[in-house]
């Protein structure tokens, strides 16, 4: 519905105002219709106007890590800048260290990583890998609970860090991190082991992305 301004009676402004010393009456001589007009605000010096983008953490679907040699999470949106892998009570039937691998629409990337980690328990150890981001878990009796975070630093380069607690046959912790420059846009994450044959036998794994 249009807004109709009728100036029959006019609008009186107080006398003495700037540019109106006599108290003039302003009005419209004809009935006029105001439609499809845009009201704009003045520019404020130094102010930054930007569109608001929501920062919402989205949860994937938790997967029971009770079988198989790898756990995959796919269809990660192209706008994602951070992916957190969450492990709860995870273990395997062997002694091979865990690996986290990223991938694109071309598949999971298995080379080009720079990664190292340290395991702190009654017997400390450290290791490195170029095949994935490595978790230093080297005993079938360990149960791992923690998180691995991938942050996009620029273009398709991702930087990782992780912390985890170890229980089971011994109590300890694992820390480390690394990086990978992907050849395309991230859209998947895989959790597996260095040898690729150890089987997951307990716990659950999920991802959060934002």
C-alpha atoms as a PDB file:
ATOM      1  CA  UNK A   1       0.000   0.000   0.000  1.00  0.00           C
ATOM      2  CA  UNK A   2       1.448   3.444  -0.969  1.00  0.00           C
ATOM      3  CA  UNK A   3       1.986   6.136   1.639  1.00  0.00           C
ATOM      4  CA  UNK A   4      -0.081   9.260   0.787  1.00  0.00           C
ATOM      5  CA  UNK A   5       1.153  12.611   2.065  1.00  0.00           C
ATOM      6  CA  UNK A   6      -1.628  15.223   2.136  1.00  0.00           C
ATOM      7  CA  UNK A   7      -0.257  18.784   2.586  1.00  0.00           C
ATOM      8  CA  UNK A   8      -3.624  20.469   3.106  1.00  0.00           C
ATOM      9  CA  UNK A   9      -2.913  21.531   6.691  1.00  0.00           C
ATOM     10  CA  UNK A  10       0.838  21.800   6.375  1.00  0.00           C
ATOM     11  CA  UNK A  11       3.524  21.342   9.013  1.00  0.00           C
ATOM     12  CA  UNK A  12       4.636  24.326  11.130  1.00  0.00           C
ATOM     13  CA  UNK A  13       8.261  24.481  12.209  1.00  0.00           C
ATOM     14  CA  UNK A  14       9.260  26.561  15.282  1.00  0.00           C
ATOM     15  CA  UNK A  15      10.535  30.056  14.598  1.00  0.00           C
ATOM     16  CA  UNK A  16      14.165  30.790  15.217  1.00  0.00           C
ATOM     17  CA  UNK A  17      15.493  27.572  13.754  1.00  0.00           C
ATOM     18  CA  UNK A  18      18.359  27.581  11.348  1.00  0.00           C
ATOM     19  CA  UNK A  19      17.050  28.806   8.002  1.00  0.00           C
ATOM     20  CA  UNK A  20      13.536  29.392   9.422  1.00  0.00           C
ATOM     21  CA  UNK A  21      13.516  32.600  11.480  1.00  0.00           C
ATOM     22  CA  UNK A  22       9.829  33.357  10.888  1.00  0.00           C
ATOM     23  CA  UNK A  23       8.292  29.983  11.653  1.00  0.00           C
ATOM     24  CA  UNK A  24       7.326  29.066   8.120  1.00  0.00           C
ATOM     25  CA  UNK A  25       4.635  26.545   7.314  1.00  0.00           C
ATOM     26  CA  UNK A  26       5.644  23.751   4.968  1.00  0.00           C
ATOM     27  CA  UNK A  27       3.011  21.826   3.073  1.00  0.00           C
ATOM     28  CA  UNK A  28       2.170  20.061  -0.133  1.00  0.00           C
ATOM     29  CA  UNK A  29      -0.205  21.826  -2.476  1.00  0.00           C
ATOM     30  CA  UNK A  30      -1.325  18.608  -4.127  1.00  0.00           C
ATOM     31  CA  UNK A  31      -1.902  15.133  -2.810  1.00  0.00           C
ATOM     32  CA  UNK A  32       1.195  13.116  -3.753  1.00  0.00           C
ATOM     33  CA  UNK A  33       2.001   9.437  -3.508  1.00  0.00           C
ATOM     34  CA  UNK A  34       5.350   8.215  -2.205  1.00  0.00           C
ATOM     35  CA  UNK A  35       6.192   4.751  -3.464  1.00  0.00           C
ATOM     36  CA  UNK A  36       9.269   2.602  -3.893  1.00  0.00           C
ATOM     37  CA  UNK A  37      11.578   5.056  -2.190  1.00  0.00           C
ATOM     38  CA  UNK A  38      14.765   3.963  -0.417  1.00  0.00           C
ATOM     39  CA  UNK A  39      15.780   5.570   2.859  1.00  0.00           C
ATOM     40  CA  UNK A  40      19.527   5.635   3.297  1.00  0.00           C
ATOM     41  CA  UNK A  41      21.588   6.539   6.326  1.00  0.00           C
ATOM     42  CA  UNK A  42      24.622   8.817   6.234  1.00  0.00           C
ATOM     43  CA  UNK A  43      28.079   7.372   6.200  1.00  0.00           C
ATOM     44  CA  UNK A  44      29.721   7.412   9.603  1.00  0.00           C
ATOM     45  CA  UNK A  45      33.400   8.240   9.441  1.00  0.00           C
ATOM     46  CA  UNK A  46      35.539   5.321  10.515  1.00  0.00           C
ATOM     47  CA  UNK A  47      32.629   2.894  10.704  1.00  0.00           C
ATOM     48  CA  UNK A  48      32.842  -0.448   8.988  1.00  0.00           C
ATOM     49  CA  UNK A  49      29.674  -1.867   7.489  1.00  0.00           C
ATOM     50  CA  UNK A  50      29.723  -5.575   6.737  1.00  0.00           C
ATOM     51  CA  UNK A  51      27.329  -8.434   6.261  1.00  0.00           C
ATOM     52  CA  UNK A  52      26.904 -10.643   9.277  1.00  0.00           C
ATOM     53  CA  UNK A  53      27.810 -14.274   8.852  1.00  0.00           C
ATOM     54  CA  UNK A  54      26.738 -16.720  11.491  1.00  0.00           C
ATOM     55  CA  UNK A  55      29.427 -18.805  13.150  1.00  0.00           C
ATOM     56  CA  UNK A  56      27.631 -22.025  13.833  1.00  0.00           C
ATOM     57  CA  UNK A  57      29.329 -25.249  14.848  1.00  0.00           C
ATOM     58  CA  UNK A  58      27.827 -28.167  12.949  1.00  0.00           C
ATOM     59  CA  UNK A  59      28.088 -31.710  14.255  1.00  0.00           C
ATOM     60  CA  UNK A  60      28.512 -34.700  12.026  1.00  0.00           C
ATOM     61  CA  UNK A  61      27.049 -38.086  12.912  1.00  0.00           C
ATOM     62  CA  UNK A  62      29.038 -40.027  15.498  1.00  0.00           C
ATOM     63  CA  UNK A  63      30.390 -43.314  14.186  1.00  0.00           C
ATOM     64  CA  UNK A  64      31.003 -46.314  16.418  1.00  0.00           C
ATOM     65  CA  UNK A  65      34.710 -47.139  16.093  1.00  0.00           C
ATOM     66  CA  UNK A  66      34.131 -50.797  16.893  1.00  0.00           C
ATOM     67  CA  UNK A  67      35.068 -52.319  13.539  1.00  0.00           C
ATOM     68  CA  UNK A  68      36.917 -51.618  10.317  1.00  0.00           C
ATOM     69  CA  UNK A  69      40.351 -50.254   9.553  1.00  0.00           C
ATOM     70  CA  UNK A  70      39.273 -46.661   8.881  1.00  0.00           C
ATOM     71  CA  UNK A  71      36.501 -44.191   9.740  1.00  0.00           C
ATOM     72  CA  UNK A  72      35.505 -41.670   7.051  1.00  0.00           C
ATOM     73  CA  UNK A  73      33.587 -38.391   7.254  1.00  0.00           C
ATOM     74  CA  UNK A  74      32.625 -36.974   3.863  1.00  0.00           C
ATOM     75  CA  UNK A  75      30.574 -34.163   2.303  1.00  0.00           C
ATOM     76  CA  UNK A  76      32.224 -31.439   4.402  1.00  0.00           C
ATOM     77  CA  UNK A  77      31.002 -28.069   2.983  1.00  0.00           C
ATOM     78  CA  UNK A  78      33.456 -26.003   0.950  1.00  0.00           C
ATOM     79  CA  UNK A  79      33.125 -22.942   3.229  1.00  0.00           C
ATOM     80  CA  UNK A  80      34.438 -24.737   6.320  1.00  0.00           C
ATOM     81  CA  UNK A  81      37.529 -23.216   7.960  1.00  0.00           C
ATOM     82  CA  UNK A  82      37.862 -25.491  10.988  1.00  0.00           C
ATOM     83  CA  UNK A  83      37.298 -29.202  11.515  1.00  0.00           C
ATOM     84  CA  UNK A  84      37.524 -30.872  14.922  1.00  0.00           C
ATOM     85  CA  UNK A  85      37.793 -34.639  15.158  1.00  0.00           C
ATOM     86  CA  UNK A  86      36.527 -35.908  18.512  1.00  0.00           C
ATOM     87  CA  UNK A  87      37.450 -39.347  19.831  1.00  0.00           C
ATOM     88  CA  UNK A  88      35.790 -40.997  22.814  1.00  0.00           C
ATOM     89  CA  UNK A  89      37.147 -44.216  24.272  1.00  0.00           C
ATOM     90  CA  UNK A  90      38.731 -45.305  20.986  1.00  0.00           C
ATOM     91  CA  UNK A  91      41.049 -48.294  20.718  1.00  0.00           C
ATOM     92  CA  UNK A  92      42.294 -50.807  18.157  1.00  0.00           C
ATOM     93  CA  UNK A  93      43.370 -54.425  18.234  1.00  0.00           C
ATOM     94  CA  UNK A  94      46.994 -53.608  17.347  1.00  0.00           C
ATOM     95  CA  UNK A  95      49.945 -51.357  18.160  1.00  0.00           C
ATOM     96  CA  UNK A  96      50.065 -49.143  15.056  1.00  0.00           C
ATOM     97  CA  UNK A  97      49.777 -45.383  15.646  1.00  0.00           C
ATOM     98  CA  UNK A  98      46.631 -43.553  14.552  1.00  0.00           C
ATOM     99  CA  UNK A  99      46.610 -41.317  11.466  1.00  0.00           C
ATOM    100  CA  UNK A 100      44.209 -38.558  10.443  1.00  0.00           C
ATOM    101  CA  UNK A 101      44.079 -37.813   6.737  1.00  0.00           C
ATOM    102  CA  UNK A 102      42.315 -35.046   4.834  1.00  0.00           C
ATOM    103  CA  UNK A 103      40.950 -35.288   1.336  1.00  0.00           C
ATOM    104  CA  UNK A 104      39.313 -33.540  -1.595  1.00  0.00           C
ATOM    105  CA  UNK A 105      36.857 -34.598  -4.274  1.00  0.00           C
ATOM    106  CA  UNK A 106      39.789 -36.474  -5.818  1.00  0.00           C
ATOM    107  CA  UNK A 107      40.126 -38.699  -2.747  1.00  0.00           C
ATOM    108  CA  UNK A 108      41.984 -38.983   0.547  1.00  0.00           C
ATOM    109  CA  UNK A 109      45.507 -37.510   0.518  1.00  0.00           C
ATOM    110  CA  UNK A 110      48.153 -39.962   1.752  1.00  0.00           C
ATOM    111  CA  UNK A 111      51.385 -37.993   1.195  1.00  0.00           C
ATOM    112  CA  UNK A 112      52.836 -34.537   1.787  1.00  0.00           C
ATOM    113  CA  UNK A 113      52.063 -34.173   5.498  1.00  0.00           C
ATOM    114  CA  UNK A 114      54.463 -32.706   8.024  1.00  0.00           C
ATOM    115  CA  UNK A 115      53.523 -34.257  11.349  1.00  0.00           C
ATOM    116  CA  UNK A 116      55.000 -35.250  14.677  1.00  0.00           C
ATOM    117  CA  UNK A 117      53.705 -36.302  18.055  1.00  0.00           C
ATOM    118  CA  UNK A 118      54.728 -37.203  21.564  1.00  0.00           C
ATOM    119  CA  UNK A 119      53.245 -39.726  23.925  1.00  0.00           C
ATOM    120  CA  UNK A 120      53.675 -39.095  27.631  1.00  0.00           C
ATOM    121  CA  UNK A 121      53.158 -42.089  29.880  1.00  0.00           C
ATOM    122  CA  UNK A 122      55.344 -44.448  31.893  1.00  0.00           C
ATOM    123  CA  UNK A 123      57.263 -45.030  28.654  1.00  0.00           C
ATOM    124  CA  UNK A 124      57.481 -41.804  26.643  1.00  0.00           C
ATOM    125  CA  UNK A 125      57.889 -41.924  22.887  1.00  0.00           C
ATOM    126  CA  UNK A 126      57.842 -39.646  19.864  1.00  0.00           C
ATOM    127  CA  UNK A 127      57.388 -40.176  16.156  1.00  0.00           C
ATOM    128  CA  UNK A 128      56.679 -38.374  12.893  1.00  0.00           C
ATOM    129  CA  UNK A 129      54.882 -39.035   9.639  1.00  0.00           C
ATOM    130  CA  UNK A 130      54.446 -37.695   6.111  1.00  0.00           C
ATOM    131  CA  UNK A 131      51.474 -39.990   5.463  1.00  0.00           C
ATOM    132  CA  UNK A 132      49.030 -38.229   7.813  1.00  0.00           C
ATOM    133  CA  UNK A 133      48.685 -36.400  11.109  1.00  0.00           C
ATOM    134  CA  UNK A 134      49.950 -38.984  13.573  1.00  0.00           C
ATOM    135  CA  UNK A 135      48.594 -39.953  16.981  1.00  0.00           C
ATOM    136  CA  UNK A 136      51.240 -41.649  19.075  1.00  0.00           C
ATOM    137  CA  UNK A 137      49.288 -44.668  20.237  1.00  0.00           C
ATOM    138  CA  UNK A 138      51.379 -47.799  20.309  1.00  0.00           C
ATOM    139  CA  UNK A 139      49.677 -50.365  22.517  1.00  0.00           C
ATOM    140  CA  UNK A 140      46.525 -52.381  21.860  1.00  0.00           C
ATOM    141  CA  UNK A 141      45.474 -51.861  25.463  1.00  0.00           C
ATOM    142  CA  UNK A 142      45.308 -48.057  25.273  1.00  0.00           C
ATOM    143  CA  UNK A 143      41.985 -46.229  25.158  1.00  0.00           C
ATOM    144  CA  UNK A 144      42.173 -42.783  23.548  1.00  0.00           C
ATOM    145  CA  UNK A 145      39.878 -39.826  24.321  1.00  0.00           C
ATOM    146  CA  UNK A 146      40.629 -36.386  22.918  1.00  0.00           C
ATOM    147  CA  UNK A 147      40.381 -34.081  19.945  1.00  0.00           C
ATOM    148  CA  UNK A 148      42.289 -33.217  16.795  1.00  0.00           C
ATOM    149  CA  UNK A 149      41.692 -29.743  15.329  1.00  0.00           C
ATOM    150  CA  UNK A 150      42.372 -28.712  11.728  1.00  0.00           C
ATOM    151  CA  UNK A 151      42.460 -24.959  11.039  1.00  0.00           C
ATOM    152  CA  UNK A 152      42.568 -23.485   7.555  1.00  0.00           C
ATOM    153  CA  UNK A 153      45.421 -20.964   7.522  1.00  0.00           C
ATOM    154  CA  UNK A 154      45.308 -19.939   3.857  1.00  0.00           C
ATOM    155  CA  UNK A 155      43.966 -21.261   0.576  1.00  0.00           C
ATOM    156  CA  UNK A 156      43.930 -25.067   0.944  1.00  0.00           C
ATOM    157  CA  UNK A 157      46.613 -25.316   3.649  1.00  0.00           C
ATOM    158  CA  UNK A 158      45.499 -26.825   6.952  1.00  0.00           C
ATOM    159  CA  UNK A 159      47.313 -26.777  10.289  1.00  0.00           C
ATOM    160  CA  UNK A 160      46.566 -29.439  12.909  1.00  0.00           C
ATOM    161  CA  UNK A 161      47.011 -29.850  16.651  1.00  0.00           C
ATOM    162  CA  UNK A 162      45.809 -32.534  19.006  1.00  0.00           C
ATOM    163  CA  UNK A 163      45.630 -33.504  22.653  1.00  0.00           C
ATOM    164  CA  UNK A 164      44.385 -36.789  24.030  1.00  0.00           C
ATOM    165  CA  UNK A 165      44.265 -38.723  27.251  1.00  0.00           C
ATOM    166  CA  UNK A 166      45.257 -42.384  27.391  1.00  0.00           C
ATOM    167  CA  UNK A 167      43.825 -44.943  29.778  1.00  0.00           C
ATOM    168  CA  UNK A 168      43.720 -48.702  29.859  1.00  0.00           C
ATOM    169  CA  UNK A 169      46.985 -50.553  30.364  1.00  0.00           C
ATOM    170  CA  UNK A 170      48.621 -47.287  31.463  1.00  0.00           C
ATOM    171  CA  UNK A 171      47.658 -43.676  32.071  1.00  0.00           C
ATOM    172  CA  UNK A 172      49.197 -40.937  29.978  1.00  0.00           C
ATOM    173  CA  UNK A 173      48.597 -38.332  27.308  1.00  0.00           C
ATOM    174  CA  UNK A 174      49.424 -37.620  23.684  1.00  0.00           C
ATOM    175  CA  UNK A 175      50.159 -34.273  22.023  1.00  0.00           C
ATOM    176  CA  UNK A 176      51.299 -33.154  18.604  1.00  0.00           C
ATOM    177  CA  UNK A 177      50.334 -31.602  15.306  1.00  0.00           C
ATOM    178  CA  UNK A 178      51.304 -30.907  11.736  1.00  0.00           C
ATOM    179  CA  UNK A 179      50.203 -29.467   8.420  1.00  0.00           C
ATOM    180  CA  UNK A 180      49.132 -30.368   4.899  1.00  0.00           C
ATOM    181  CA  UNK A 181      48.688 -28.346   1.690  1.00  0.00           C
ATOM    182  CA  UNK A 182      45.847 -29.925  -0.246  1.00  0.00           C
ATOM    183  CA  UNK A 183      45.544 -29.746  -4.007  1.00  0.00           C
ATOM    184  CA  UNK A 184      41.902 -28.718  -3.769  1.00  0.00           C
ATOM    185  CA  UNK A 185      39.060 -27.875  -1.399  1.00  0.00           C
ATOM    186  CA  UNK A 186      38.751 -30.019   1.719  1.00  0.00           C
ATOM    187  CA  UNK A 187      35.660 -32.235   1.754  1.00  0.00           C
ATOM    188  CA  UNK A 188      36.574 -35.313   3.815  1.00  0.00           C
ATOM    189  CA  UNK A 189      38.500 -36.639   6.812  1.00  0.00           C
ATOM    190  CA  UNK A 190      39.675 -40.199   7.452  1.00  0.00           C
ATOM    191  CA  UNK A 191      40.871 -41.719  10.716  1.00  0.00           C
ATOM    192  CA  UNK A 192      42.992 -44.837  10.271  1.00  0.00           C
ATOM    193  CA  UNK A 193      46.310 -46.323  11.441  1.00  0.00           C
ATOM    194  CA  UNK A 194      49.862 -46.231  10.098  1.00  0.00           C
ATOM    195  CA  UNK A 195      49.834 -49.843   8.956  1.00  0.00           C
ATOM    196  CA  UNK A 196      46.276 -49.605   7.662  1.00  0.00           C
ATOM    197  CA  UNK A 197      45.384 -53.087   8.904  1.00  0.00           C
ATOM    198  CA  UNK A 198      44.734 -52.683  12.639  1.00  0.00           C
ATOM    199  CA  UNK A 199      41.007 -52.792  13.383  1.00  0.00           C
ATOM    200  CA  UNK A 200      39.087 -50.390  15.597  1.00  0.00           C
ATOM    201  CA  UNK A 201      37.437 -52.258  18.445  1.00  0.00           C
ATOM    202  CA  UNK A 202      35.947 -49.688  20.875  1.00  0.00           C
ATOM    203  CA  UNK A 203      34.612 -46.162  21.245  1.00  0.00           C
ATOM    204  CA  UNK A 204      33.163 -43.599  18.853  1.00  0.00           C
ATOM    205  CA  UNK A 205      34.421 -40.797  16.611  1.00  0.00           C
ATOM    206  CA  UNK A 206      32.698 -37.677  15.335  1.00  0.00           C
ATOM    207  CA  UNK A 207      33.560 -34.378  13.678  1.00  0.00           C
ATOM    208  CA  UNK A 208      32.495 -30.792  14.293  1.00  0.00           C
ATOM    209  CA  UNK A 209      32.954 -28.178  11.593  1.00  0.00           C
ATOM    210  CA  UNK A 210      32.535 -24.432  11.297  1.00  0.00           C
END
